Amino acid sequence: MNEDIQTTAEAVEAEALPRRVDTHAKGCGETGAKPVPEAMTRKSVKQKSASEWAYERLILYIQTFEEQLDNEHEVAMGFAGNETGVLRIEGLGFFDPDIVTFYGKDASGARMQLIQHVSQLNVALRALPIPREDIPPRRIGFELAAELEHSD
């Protein structure tokens, strides 16, 4: 057994730093550990509210999902268990300590907002055709990640 010796400070830091690992079937996506953006490590996980931590990770999941989309599709959320349908994601936010909210439009173009407690968070990302061919697809994950980089 070859374990690296760590100082107490290194062990505490390693415990506090988030890891990101995804595994996919062969040919179905990139597999392995992925770096977490520096903006997400400015504060330790223990210093963040449940909603802030969920918000940051949702941004990464949306961004990763969008990386797999072609120019005819953009990200939306699907809902299970009712007739709500889908939400074309246009924004994401959180309200400390435990609320995450999604902003956007439904399939008919009506404004929509989902407000959810982090203990009930269950998000299904879907690829929807862009509403008009003359408008490029919105990549909200990349917009949100850019804002995250510029926030304190």
C-alpha atoms as a PDB file:
ATOM      1  CA  MET A   1       0.000   0.000   0.000  1.00  0.00           C
ATOM      2  CA  ASN A   2       1.584   3.241  -1.179  1.00  0.00           C
ATOM      3  CA  GLU A   3      -0.117   6.209   0.485  1.00  0.00           C
ATOM      4  CA  ASP A   4       1.239   9.729   0.338  1.00  0.00           C
ATOM      5  CA  ILE A   5       2.005  11.288   3.678  1.00  0.00           C
ATOM      6  CA  GLN A   6       0.054  14.518   4.206  1.00  0.00           C
ATOM      7  CA  THR A   7       0.322  17.294   6.694  1.00  0.00           C
ATOM      8  CA  THR A   8      -2.799  18.042   8.709  1.00  0.00           C
ATOM      9  CA  ALA A   9      -3.373  21.153   6.607  1.00  0.00           C
ATOM     10  CA  GLU A  10      -3.112  19.137   3.363  1.00  0.00           C
ATOM     11  CA  ALA A  11      -5.544  16.540   4.666  1.00  0.00           C
ATOM     12  CA  VAL A  12      -8.067  19.189   5.709  1.00  0.00           C
ATOM     13  CA  GLU A  13      -7.723  20.984   2.366  1.00  0.00           C
ATOM     14  CA  ALA A  14      -8.179  17.744   0.417  1.00  0.00           C
ATOM     15  CA  GLU A  15     -11.306  17.001   2.453  1.00  0.00           C
ATOM     16  CA  ALA A  16     -12.773  20.431   1.688  1.00  0.00           C
ATOM     17  CA  LEU A  17     -12.031  20.536  -2.065  1.00  0.00           C
ATOM     18  CA  PRO A  18     -14.754  19.220  -4.358  1.00  0.00           C
ATOM     19  CA  ARG A  19     -14.102  16.467  -6.866  1.00  0.00           C
ATOM     20  CA  ARG A  20     -15.918  15.947 -10.162  1.00  0.00           C
ATOM     21  CA  VAL A  21     -15.997  12.496 -11.740  1.00  0.00           C
ATOM     22  CA  ASP A  22     -18.247  11.206 -14.543  1.00  0.00           C
ATOM     23  CA  THR A  23     -18.357   7.739 -16.042  1.00  0.00           C
ATOM     24  CA  HIS A  24     -20.006   6.893 -19.365  1.00  0.00           C
ATOM     25  CA  ALA A  25     -20.355   3.795 -21.489  1.00  0.00           C
ATOM     26  CA  LYS A  26     -17.703   3.491 -24.186  1.00  0.00           C
ATOM     27  CA  GLY A  27     -18.380   6.011 -26.954  1.00  0.00           C
ATOM     28  CA  CYS A  28     -21.097   7.839 -24.971  1.00  0.00           C
ATOM     29  CA  GLY A  29     -19.152  10.700 -23.468  1.00  0.00           C
ATOM     30  CA  GLU A  30     -15.932  11.695 -21.773  1.00  0.00           C
ATOM     31  CA  THR A  31     -15.084   9.623 -18.710  1.00  0.00           C
ATOM     32  CA  GLY A  32     -12.913  10.443 -15.744  1.00  0.00           C
ATOM     33  CA  ALA A  33     -12.076  13.169 -13.287  1.00  0.00           C
ATOM     34  CA  LYS A  34     -12.627  16.702 -14.528  1.00  0.00           C
ATOM     35  CA  PRO A  35     -11.181  19.830 -12.988  1.00  0.00           C
ATOM     36  CA  VAL A  36     -13.479  21.990 -10.905  1.00  0.00           C
ATOM     37  CA  PRO A  37     -13.330  25.668 -11.928  1.00  0.00           C
ATOM     38  CA  GLU A  38     -11.270  27.884  -9.641  1.00  0.00           C
ATOM     39  CA  ALA A  39     -14.348  30.029  -8.936  1.00  0.00           C
ATOM     40  CA  MET A  40     -15.928  27.052  -7.190  1.00  0.00           C
ATOM     41  CA  THR A  41     -12.960  26.556  -4.881  1.00  0.00           C
ATOM     42  CA  ARG A  42     -12.633  30.124  -3.574  1.00  0.00           C
ATOM     43  CA  LYS A  43     -14.775  29.090  -0.620  1.00  0.00           C
ATOM     44  CA  SER A  44     -14.736  25.615   0.875  1.00  0.00           C
ATOM     45  CA  VAL A  45     -17.835  23.471   0.537  1.00  0.00           C
ATOM     46  CA  LYS A  46     -18.393  23.838   4.273  1.00  0.00           C
ATOM     47  CA  GLN A  47     -18.565  27.645   3.881  1.00  0.00           C
ATOM     48  CA  LYS A  48     -21.312  27.436   1.244  1.00  0.00           C
ATOM     49  CA  SER A  49     -25.023  27.070   1.826  1.00  0.00           C
ATOM     50  CA  ALA A  50     -26.720  24.005   0.379  1.00  0.00           C
ATOM     51  CA  SER A  51     -28.348  26.211  -2.265  1.00  0.00           C
ATOM     52  CA  GLU A  52     -25.085  27.892  -3.338  1.00  0.00           C
ATOM     53  CA  TRP A  53     -23.325  24.552  -3.647  1.00  0.00           C
ATOM     54  CA  ALA A  54     -26.223  23.038  -5.625  1.00  0.00           C
ATOM     55  CA  TYR A  55     -26.340  26.129  -7.877  1.00  0.00           C
ATOM     56  CA  GLU A  56     -22.639  25.883  -8.745  1.00  0.00           C
ATOM     57  CA  ARG A  57     -22.834  22.186  -9.541  1.00  0.00           C
ATOM     58  CA  LEU A  58     -25.978  22.624 -11.651  1.00  0.00           C
ATOM     59  CA  ILE A  59     -24.100  25.167 -13.766  1.00  0.00           C
ATOM     60  CA  LEU A  60     -21.394  22.572 -14.450  1.00  0.00           C
ATOM     61  CA  TYR A  61     -23.926  19.878 -15.331  1.00  0.00           C
ATOM     62  CA  ILE A  62     -25.786  22.215 -17.698  1.00  0.00           C
ATOM     63  CA  GLN A  63     -22.517  23.309 -19.318  1.00  0.00           C
ATOM     64  CA  THR A  64     -21.365  19.705 -19.793  1.00  0.00           C
ATOM     65  CA  PHE A  65     -24.749  18.767 -21.282  1.00  0.00           C
ATOM     66  CA  GLU A  66     -24.564  21.708 -23.695  1.00  0.00           C
ATOM     67  CA  GLU A  67     -21.098  20.635 -24.874  1.00  0.00           C
ATOM     68  CA  GLN A  68     -22.773  17.574 -26.398  1.00  0.00           C
ATOM     69  CA  LEU A  69     -25.479  19.503 -28.288  1.00  0.00           C
ATOM     70  CA  ASP A  70     -25.455  20.409 -31.963  1.00  0.00           C
ATOM     71  CA  ASN A  71     -26.417  23.852 -33.305  1.00  0.00           C
ATOM     72  CA  GLU A  72     -30.070  22.857 -33.716  1.00  0.00           C
ATOM     73  CA  HIS A  73     -30.678  22.168 -29.998  1.00  0.00           C
ATOM     74  CA  GLU A  74     -30.487  23.922 -26.642  1.00  0.00           C
ATOM     75  CA  VAL A  75     -30.921  22.820 -23.046  1.00  0.00           C
ATOM     76  CA  ALA A  76     -34.261  22.537 -21.262  1.00  0.00           C
ATOM     77  CA  MET A  77     -35.536  20.794 -18.142  1.00  0.00           C
ATOM     78  CA  GLY A  78     -38.097  18.035 -18.265  1.00  0.00           C
ATOM     79  CA  PHE A  79     -40.618  17.437 -15.469  1.00  0.00           C
ATOM     80  CA  ALA A  80     -41.948  14.085 -14.342  1.00  0.00           C
ATOM     81  CA  GLY A  81     -45.152  13.300 -12.506  1.00  0.00           C
ATOM     82  CA  ASN A  82     -47.334  16.132 -13.812  1.00  0.00           C
ATOM     83  CA  GLU A  83     -48.416  18.042 -16.915  1.00  0.00           C
ATOM     84  CA  THR A  84     -45.888  20.880 -16.501  1.00  0.00           C
ATOM     85  CA  GLY A  85     -43.851  19.697 -19.488  1.00  0.00           C
ATOM     86  CA  VAL A  86     -40.487  21.353 -20.070  1.00  0.00           C
ATOM     87  CA  LEU A  87     -38.719  24.582 -19.130  1.00  0.00           C
ATOM     88  CA  ARG A  88     -36.331  26.106 -21.676  1.00  0.00           C
ATOM     89  CA  ILE A  89     -33.657  27.307 -19.233  1.00  0.00           C
ATOM     90  CA  GLU A  90     -32.830  31.018 -19.440  1.00  0.00           C
ATOM     91  CA  GLY A  91     -31.512  31.551 -15.930  1.00  0.00           C
ATOM     92  CA  LEU A  92     -30.625  29.901 -12.659  1.00  0.00           C
ATOM     93  CA  GLY A  93     -30.398  31.292  -9.149  1.00  0.00           C
ATOM     94  CA  PHE A  94     -30.363  30.432  -5.464  1.00  0.00           C
ATOM     95  CA  PHE A  95     -31.721  31.871  -2.237  1.00  0.00           C
ATOM     96  CA  ASP A  96     -29.692  30.963   0.825  1.00  0.00           C
ATOM     97  CA  PRO A  97     -29.758  28.685   2.607  1.00  0.00           C
ATOM     98  CA  ASP A  98     -31.760  26.085   0.689  1.00  0.00           C
ATOM     99  CA  ILE A  99     -33.692  27.271  -2.408  1.00  0.00           C
ATOM    100  CA  VAL A 100     -32.670  26.897  -6.067  1.00  0.00           C
ATOM    101  CA  THR A 101     -34.717  28.509  -8.842  1.00  0.00           C
ATOM    102  CA  PHE A 102     -34.830  28.040 -12.606  1.00  0.00           C
ATOM    103  CA  TYR A 103     -36.112  30.741 -14.971  1.00  0.00           C
ATOM    104  CA  GLY A 104     -37.262  30.297 -18.556  1.00  0.00           C
ATOM    105  CA  LYS A 105     -40.182  29.578 -20.869  1.00  0.00           C
ATOM    106  CA  ASP A 106     -42.406  26.575 -21.402  1.00  0.00           C
ATOM    107  CA  ALA A 107     -42.999  24.915 -24.783  1.00  0.00           C
ATOM    108  CA  SER A 108     -45.620  27.528 -25.741  1.00  0.00           C
ATOM    109  CA  GLY A 109     -43.243  30.416 -24.941  1.00  0.00           C
ATOM    110  CA  ALA A 110     -44.971  31.429 -21.688  1.00  0.00           C
ATOM    111  CA  ARG A 111     -42.718  32.665 -18.854  1.00  0.00           C
ATOM    112  CA  MET A 112     -42.022  30.013 -16.266  1.00  0.00           C
ATOM    113  CA  GLN A 113     -40.120  29.760 -12.990  1.00  0.00           C
ATOM    114  CA  LEU A 114     -39.416  26.671 -10.899  1.00  0.00           C
ATOM    115  CA  ILE A 115     -38.571  27.222  -7.234  1.00  0.00           C
ATOM    116  CA  GLN A 116     -37.246  24.136  -5.502  1.00  0.00           C
ATOM    117  CA  HIS A 117     -35.858  23.203  -2.102  1.00  0.00           C
ATOM    118  CA  VAL A 118     -32.439  21.562  -2.431  1.00  0.00           C
ATOM    119  CA  SER A 119     -33.686  18.448  -0.603  1.00  0.00           C
ATOM    120  CA  GLN A 120     -36.172  17.929  -3.447  1.00  0.00           C
ATOM    121  CA  LEU A 121     -33.791  18.810  -6.276  1.00  0.00           C
ATOM    122  CA  ASN A 122     -34.250  16.480  -9.209  1.00  0.00           C
ATOM    123  CA  VAL A 123     -33.290  17.886 -12.605  1.00  0.00           C
ATOM    124  CA  ALA A 124     -33.676  16.142 -15.959  1.00  0.00           C
ATOM    125  CA  LEU A 125     -31.808  18.006 -18.709  1.00  0.00           C
ATOM    126  CA  ARG A 126     -33.271  17.665 -22.201  1.00  0.00           C
ATOM    127  CA  ALA A 127     -32.210  18.773 -25.658  1.00  0.00           C
ATOM    128  CA  LEU A 128     -34.934  20.767 -27.427  1.00  0.00           C
ATOM    129  CA  PRO A 129     -34.847  22.082 -30.974  1.00  0.00           C
ATOM    130  CA  ILE A 130     -34.087  25.799 -31.058  1.00  0.00           C
ATOM    131  CA  PRO A 131     -37.303  27.812 -31.458  1.00  0.00           C
ATOM    132  CA  ARG A 132     -36.184  29.647 -34.618  1.00  0.00           C
ATOM    133  CA  GLU A 133     -33.564  28.612 -37.142  1.00  0.00           C
ATOM    134  CA  ASP A 134     -32.376  32.209 -37.662  1.00  0.00           C
ATOM    135  CA  ILE A 135     -31.288  32.497 -33.998  1.00  0.00           C
ATOM    136  CA  PRO A 136     -28.266  30.561 -32.692  1.00  0.00           C
ATOM    137  CA  PRO A 137     -28.871  28.229 -29.746  1.00  0.00           C
ATOM    138  CA  ARG A 138     -28.450  29.771 -26.303  1.00  0.00           C
ATOM    139  CA  ARG A 139     -25.707  28.182 -24.225  1.00  0.00           C
ATOM    140  CA  ILE A 140     -26.901  29.207 -20.779  1.00  0.00           C
ATOM    141  CA  GLY A 141     -24.406  26.934 -18.997  1.00  0.00           C
ATOM    142  CA  PHE A 142     -21.506  28.856 -20.468  1.00  0.00           C
ATOM    143  CA  GLU A 143     -23.140  32.218 -19.666  1.00  0.00           C
ATOM    144  CA  LEU A 144     -23.725  31.140 -16.057  1.00  0.00           C
ATOM    145  CA  ALA A 145     -20.187  29.774 -15.717  1.00  0.00           C
ATOM    146  CA  ALA A 146     -18.772  33.095 -16.950  1.00  0.00           C
ATOM    147  CA  GLU A 147     -20.823  34.941 -14.306  1.00  0.00           C
ATOM    148  CA  LEU A 148     -19.605  32.501 -11.654  1.00  0.00           C
ATOM    149  CA  GLU A 149     -15.997  33.317 -12.558  1.00  0.00           C
ATOM    150  CA  HIS A 150     -16.653  37.040 -12.017  1.00  0.00           C
ATOM    151  CA  SER A 151     -18.551  36.720  -8.729  1.00  0.00           C
ATOM    152  CA  ASP A 152     -17.083  36.808  -5.244  1.00  0.00           C
END
